[in-house]
Amino acid sequence: MTPLVIKVGGALLDAYEQGQALFSAIKKLKAERPVVLVHGGGNLTNDWLARLGFESQKIDGLRVTPPDQLPFVVGALAGTANKLLVSMAHQQGINAVGLSLADGKMVNACLLNAQLGAVGQASAGDPKVLHALLGADVVPVVSSIGLTEQGELCNINADDGAVALAQTLGAELVLLSDVPGVLDGDGQLLVQLTATEISALIEQRVIHGGMSVKVKAALAAANSIGQRVYIAGWQQPQLLTTLADEASVGTCIVPDFVMENQP
């Protein structure tokens, strides 16, 4: 059965009941197919950095990570955020293992540019560790801390990390967000988007900031793995169990080849 990679944001850490509902849905899903969870932790990281006197900054939706902030970003994401989610999983009777993108060469990472600091870009890596865990009926819970070929730790956008893992495993991908999907200028859900529509909405600034990063990552993943990718809200995790109904799960990002093959 095709694995499913689910990405959740750090806001879930502040929503215990929704977190339990998500892992309840994952428990049902994993009875039918292997599941990998990838997470961020932006709110927790912001809080830690603010308490330490650092100012958080983003460029085009990506967190700037200077070298002096990196140890605390790693601690927040690969440490506290990761283990809180593993704890939630265990409370639902799921055998989960906490990992990061840096483990087992599951993705390859390189630094993006000097302006962003220790921010990495991920690409598909080696699936052996993930295959071993999934074969043992374990749910990997993976933080977005990566490792370059030179052994440098880096902060990877969690959406991009989830895309790379989906490519590593040849998996389907769902990116869970704080909103029910991609919204139009009137705040209404867009149930399907093509590359052309995405470009137009970004140019019009209807899609911007973090959602722009998420949508671009979803489109890249759809084209790479040759499957539709979904952007949905984590507040209604029960929808994950209805993935066979394409219109029922947030916004469907359609790969280019699907549109090319349409009459």
Protein backbone atom coordinates (compact mmCIF):
# COMPACT_ATOMS: atom_id res chain seq x y z
CA MET A 1 0.00 0.00 0.00
CA THR A 2 1.27 3.49 -0.86
CA PRO A 3 2.57 5.28 2.26
CA LEU A 4 1.03 8.57 3.35
CA VAL A 5 3.13 11.51 4.55
CA ILE A 6 1.20 14.00 6.70
CA LYS A 7 2.68 17.37 7.59
CA VAL A 8 1.37 19.31 10.60
CA GLY A 9 2.29 22.76 11.86
CA GLY A 10 3.46 23.66 15.32
CA ALA A 11 0.10 25.24 16.21
CA LEU A 12 -1.11 21.71 16.95
CA LEU A 13 1.05 21.73 20.08
CA ASP A 14 -1.27 24.34 21.59
CA ALA A 15 -4.45 22.40 20.73
CA TYR A 16 -4.52 19.22 22.82
CA GLU A 17 -8.00 18.01 21.83
CA GLN A 18 -7.34 18.52 18.11
CA GLY A 19 -4.00 16.78 18.53
CA GLN A 20 -5.69 13.76 20.06
CA ALA A 21 -8.27 13.79 17.25
CA LEU A 22 -5.48 13.88 14.67
CA PHE A 23 -3.67 10.90 16.15
CA SER A 24 -6.98 9.05 16.47
CA ALA A 25 -7.43 9.53 12.71
CA ILE A 26 -3.81 8.46 12.10
CA LYS A 27 -4.42 5.29 14.12
CA LYS A 28 -7.30 4.40 11.78
CA LEU A 29 -5.24 5.26 8.71
CA LYS A 30 -2.23 3.19 9.74
CA ALA A 31 -4.41 0.09 9.91
CA GLU A 32 -4.66 0.39 6.12
CA ARG A 33 -1.38 2.00 5.04
CA PRO A 34 1.99 3.18 6.43
CA VAL A 35 1.92 6.73 7.82
CA VAL A 36 4.76 9.22 8.42
CA LEU A 37 4.18 12.48 10.29
CA VAL A 38 6.36 15.53 9.60
CA HIS A 39 6.06 18.60 11.81
CA GLY A 40 7.19 22.16 12.27
CA GLY A 41 6.98 24.21 15.45
CA GLY A 42 6.97 27.87 14.56
CA ASN A 43 4.98 29.14 17.52
CA LEU A 44 7.09 27.24 20.04
CA THR A 45 10.29 28.41 18.36
CA ASN A 46 9.11 32.03 18.34
CA ASP A 47 8.32 31.78 22.05
CA TRP A 48 11.71 30.29 22.92
CA LEU A 49 13.60 32.87 20.89
CA ALA A 50 11.61 35.78 22.35
CA ARG A 51 12.32 34.59 25.90
CA LEU A 52 16.02 34.53 25.04
CA GLY A 53 15.90 38.05 23.63
CA PHE A 54 16.08 37.09 19.94
CA GLU A 55 13.86 38.59 17.26
CA SER A 56 12.22 36.22 14.77
CA GLN A 57 12.37 37.21 11.11
CA LYS A 58 11.00 35.66 7.93
CA ILE A 59 11.85 36.24 4.28
CA ASP A 60 9.29 35.02 1.73
CA GLY A 61 7.71 32.83 4.40
CA LEU A 62 10.99 31.18 5.45
CA ARG A 63 12.45 31.63 8.94
CA VAL A 64 15.81 33.39 9.02
CA THR A 65 18.07 31.25 11.23
CA PRO A 66 21.33 32.96 12.24
CA PRO A 67 24.03 30.66 13.67
CA ASP A 68 23.54 31.99 17.21
CA GLN A 69 19.85 31.03 17.11
CA LEU A 70 20.31 27.58 15.56
CA PRO A 71 20.91 25.64 18.83
CA PHE A 72 17.62 26.92 20.23
CA VAL A 73 15.73 26.25 17.00
CA VAL A 74 17.08 22.68 17.00
CA GLY A 75 16.11 22.25 20.65
CA ALA A 76 12.59 23.56 20.09
CA LEU A 77 11.87 21.52 16.95
CA ALA A 78 13.87 18.28 17.28
CA GLY A 79 13.52 18.24 21.06
CA THR A 80 10.42 19.65 22.72
CA ALA A 81 8.02 19.82 19.75
CA ASN A 82 8.99 16.36 18.54
CA LYS A 83 8.61 14.66 21.90
CA LEU A 84 5.30 16.36 22.66
CA LEU A 85 3.88 14.93 19.43
CA VAL A 86 5.33 11.49 20.17
CA SER A 87 3.61 11.72 23.56
CA MET A 88 0.28 12.54 21.90
CA ALA A 89 0.71 9.55 19.59
CA HIS A 90 1.40 7.18 22.49
CA GLN A 91 -1.71 8.44 24.29
CA GLN A 92 -3.71 7.13 21.32
CA GLY A 93 -1.99 3.75 21.46
CA ILE A 94 0.31 4.42 18.50
CA ASN A 95 3.87 3.10 18.56
CA ALA A 96 5.70 6.25 17.42
CA VAL A 97 9.40 7.06 17.14
CA GLY A 98 10.69 10.63 17.21
CA LEU A 99 13.22 11.48 14.48
CA SER A 100 14.47 14.44 12.50
CA LEU A 101 15.20 14.89 8.80
CA ALA A 102 18.87 14.64 9.84
CA ASP A 103 18.51 10.95 10.76
CA GLY A 104 19.34 8.00 8.53
CA LYS A 105 20.01 10.17 5.47
CA MET A 106 16.25 10.09 4.84
CA VAL A 107 16.65 13.38 2.96
CA ASN A 108 19.59 15.21 1.46
CA ALA A 109 20.02 18.82 2.55
CA CYS A 110 22.01 21.83 1.45
CA LEU A 111 22.05 25.42 2.69
CA LEU A 112 19.81 27.78 0.70
CA ASN A 113 21.65 31.11 0.90
CA ALA A 114 23.64 33.28 3.29
CA GLN A 115 20.77 35.73 3.76
CA LEU A 116 18.64 33.06 5.44
CA GLY A 117 21.47 31.72 7.61
CA ALA A 118 21.30 28.05 8.63
CA VAL A 119 18.24 27.32 6.49
CA GLY A 120 18.36 24.22 4.35
CA GLN A 121 16.69 22.86 1.26
CA ALA A 122 15.74 19.18 1.22
CA SER A 123 15.61 16.61 -1.56
CA ALA A 124 14.83 12.90 -1.63
CA GLY A 125 17.22 10.68 0.29
CA ASP A 126 17.58 7.08 1.46
CA PRO A 127 14.35 5.30 2.52
CA LYS A 128 16.00 2.37 4.36
CA VAL A 129 15.45 3.66 7.92
CA LEU A 130 11.87 4.68 7.20
CA HIS A 131 11.12 1.35 5.51
CA ALA A 132 12.46 -0.51 8.55
CA LEU A 133 10.28 1.49 10.93
CA LEU A 134 7.17 1.31 8.78
CA GLY A 135 7.72 -2.43 8.34
CA ALA A 136 7.69 -2.74 12.14
CA ASP A 137 4.30 -0.96 12.30
CA VAL A 138 5.88 2.19 13.75
CA VAL A 139 4.80 5.75 12.93
CA PRO A 140 7.87 7.97 12.43
CA VAL A 141 7.32 11.49 13.82
CA VAL A 142 9.88 13.63 12.00
CA SER A 143 11.02 17.16 12.88
CA SER A 144 12.24 19.58 10.23
CA ILE A 145 15.89 19.73 11.34
CA GLY A 146 18.21 18.53 8.59
CA LEU A 147 21.88 17.77 8.09
CA THR A 148 24.01 18.80 5.12
CA GLU A 149 26.58 16.57 3.43
CA GLN A 150 29.24 18.49 5.40
CA GLY A 151 27.51 17.64 8.70
CA GLU A 152 25.98 21.08 9.30
CA LEU A 153 22.64 21.20 11.10
CA CYS A 154 20.02 23.32 9.36
CA ASN A 155 16.43 24.42 9.75
CA ILE A 156 14.29 23.15 6.86
CA ASN A 157 10.83 24.48 6.13
CA ALA A 158 8.54 21.65 7.27
CA ASP A 159 6.45 21.74 4.09
CA ASP A 160 9.60 21.31 1.99
CA GLY A 161 10.79 18.56 4.30
CA ALA A 162 7.49 16.71 3.93
CA VAL A 163 7.75 17.00 0.15
CA ALA A 164 11.26 15.50 0.22
CA LEU A 165 10.09 12.61 2.42
CA ALA A 166 7.16 11.94 0.10
CA GLN A 167 9.65 11.81 -2.77
CA THR A 168 11.92 9.49 -0.77
CA LEU A 169 9.07 7.05 -0.13
CA GLY A 170 7.03 7.56 -3.31
CA ALA A 171 4.22 8.47 -0.93
CA GLU A 172 1.02 10.45 -1.10
CA LEU A 173 1.19 13.79 0.71
CA VAL A 174 -1.20 15.89 2.79
CA LEU A 175 -0.08 19.28 4.13
CA LEU A 176 -2.21 20.25 7.12
CA SER A 177 -2.60 23.97 7.80
CA ASP A 178 -4.25 26.35 10.26
CA VAL A 179 -6.95 26.98 7.64
CA PRO A 180 -9.18 24.42 5.86
CA GLY A 181 -7.19 24.74 2.65
CA VAL A 182 -6.25 27.44 0.15
CA LEU A 183 -8.73 30.31 0.28
CA ASP A 184 -9.71 32.79 -2.43
CA GLY A 185 -9.87 36.56 -1.98
CA ASP A 186 -13.28 36.24 -0.32
CA GLY A 187 -12.10 33.62 2.16
CA GLN A 188 -13.80 30.74 0.35
CA LEU A 189 -12.16 27.34 -0.02
CA LEU A 190 -10.63 26.53 -3.41
CA VAL A 191 -11.18 22.79 -3.89
CA GLN A 192 -8.67 22.38 -6.74
CA LEU A 193 -5.73 24.36 -8.11
CA THR A 194 -3.52 23.99 -11.17
CA ALA A 195 -0.07 25.49 -11.75
CA THR A 196 -1.53 28.29 -13.87
CA GLU A 197 -4.10 29.18 -11.22
CA ILE A 198 -1.47 29.10 -8.48
CA SER A 199 0.80 31.49 -10.39
CA ALA A 200 -2.06 33.93 -10.92
CA LEU A 201 -3.14 33.86 -7.27
CA ILE A 202 0.43 34.43 -6.06
CA GLU A 203 0.86 37.33 -8.48
CA GLN A 204 -2.41 38.83 -7.20
CA ARG A 205 -1.19 38.34 -3.59
CA VAL A 206 -4.25 36.23 -2.80
CA ILE A 207 -1.75 33.52 -1.89
CA HIS A 208 1.21 34.96 0.01
CA GLY A 209 3.60 34.42 2.92
CA GLY A 210 3.62 30.96 4.47
CA MET A 211 0.76 29.73 2.29
CA SER A 212 2.76 30.67 -0.81
CA VAL A 213 5.62 28.46 0.41
CA LYS A 214 3.16 25.66 1.17
CA VAL A 215 1.41 25.82 -2.22
CA LYS A 216 4.70 25.95 -4.16
CA ALA A 217 5.95 22.94 -2.20
CA ALA A 218 2.70 21.07 -2.85
CA LEU A 219 2.86 21.73 -6.60
CA ALA A 220 6.51 20.65 -6.75
CA ALA A 221 5.60 17.47 -4.89
CA ALA A 222 2.60 16.76 -7.11
CA ASN A 223 4.76 17.03 -10.23
CA SER A 224 7.61 15.02 -8.70
CA ILE A 225 5.65 12.08 -7.30
CA GLY A 226 3.01 12.21 -10.04
CA GLN A 227 0.09 12.34 -7.64
CA ARG A 228 -2.36 14.91 -6.33
CA VAL A 229 -1.29 16.64 -3.11
CA TYR A 230 -3.77 17.96 -0.57
CA ILE A 231 -3.67 21.07 1.62
CA ALA A 232 -6.21 20.81 4.42
CA GLY A 233 -6.94 21.99 7.97
CA TRP A 234 -5.69 20.08 10.99
CA GLN A 235 -8.82 21.15 12.90
CA GLN A 236 -10.82 18.44 11.07
CA PRO A 237 -8.43 15.47 10.98
CA GLN A 238 -11.28 13.00 10.49
CA LEU A 239 -11.30 14.10 6.84
CA LEU A 240 -7.99 12.27 6.40
CA THR A 241 -9.90 8.99 6.42
CA THR A 242 -11.85 10.08 3.30
CA LEU A 243 -8.87 10.62 0.98
CA ALA A 244 -10.52 8.48 -1.69
CA ASP A 245 -13.00 11.32 -2.16
CA GLU A 246 -10.75 13.96 -3.72
CA ALA A 247 -13.14 16.88 -3.16
CA SER A 248 -13.53 16.17 0.54
CA VAL A 249 -10.02 17.00 1.75
CA GLY A 250 -9.19 20.70 1.60
CA THR A 251 -7.57 21.92 -1.60
CA CYS A 252 -6.33 19.44 -4.20
CA ILE A 253 -3.13 20.53 -5.98
CA VAL A 254 -3.13 18.93 -9.42
CA PRO A 255 0.13 17.81 -11.08
CA ASP A 256 0.87 19.28 -14.49
CA PHE A 257 0.67 15.95 -16.32
CA VAL A 258 -2.97 15.49 -15.28
CA MET A 259 -3.90 18.78 -16.91
CA GLU A 260 -1.83 17.98 -20.01
CA ASN A 261 -3.71 14.69 -20.47
CA GLN A 262 -7.14 16.26 -20.19
CA PRO A 263 -8.99 16.80 -23.49
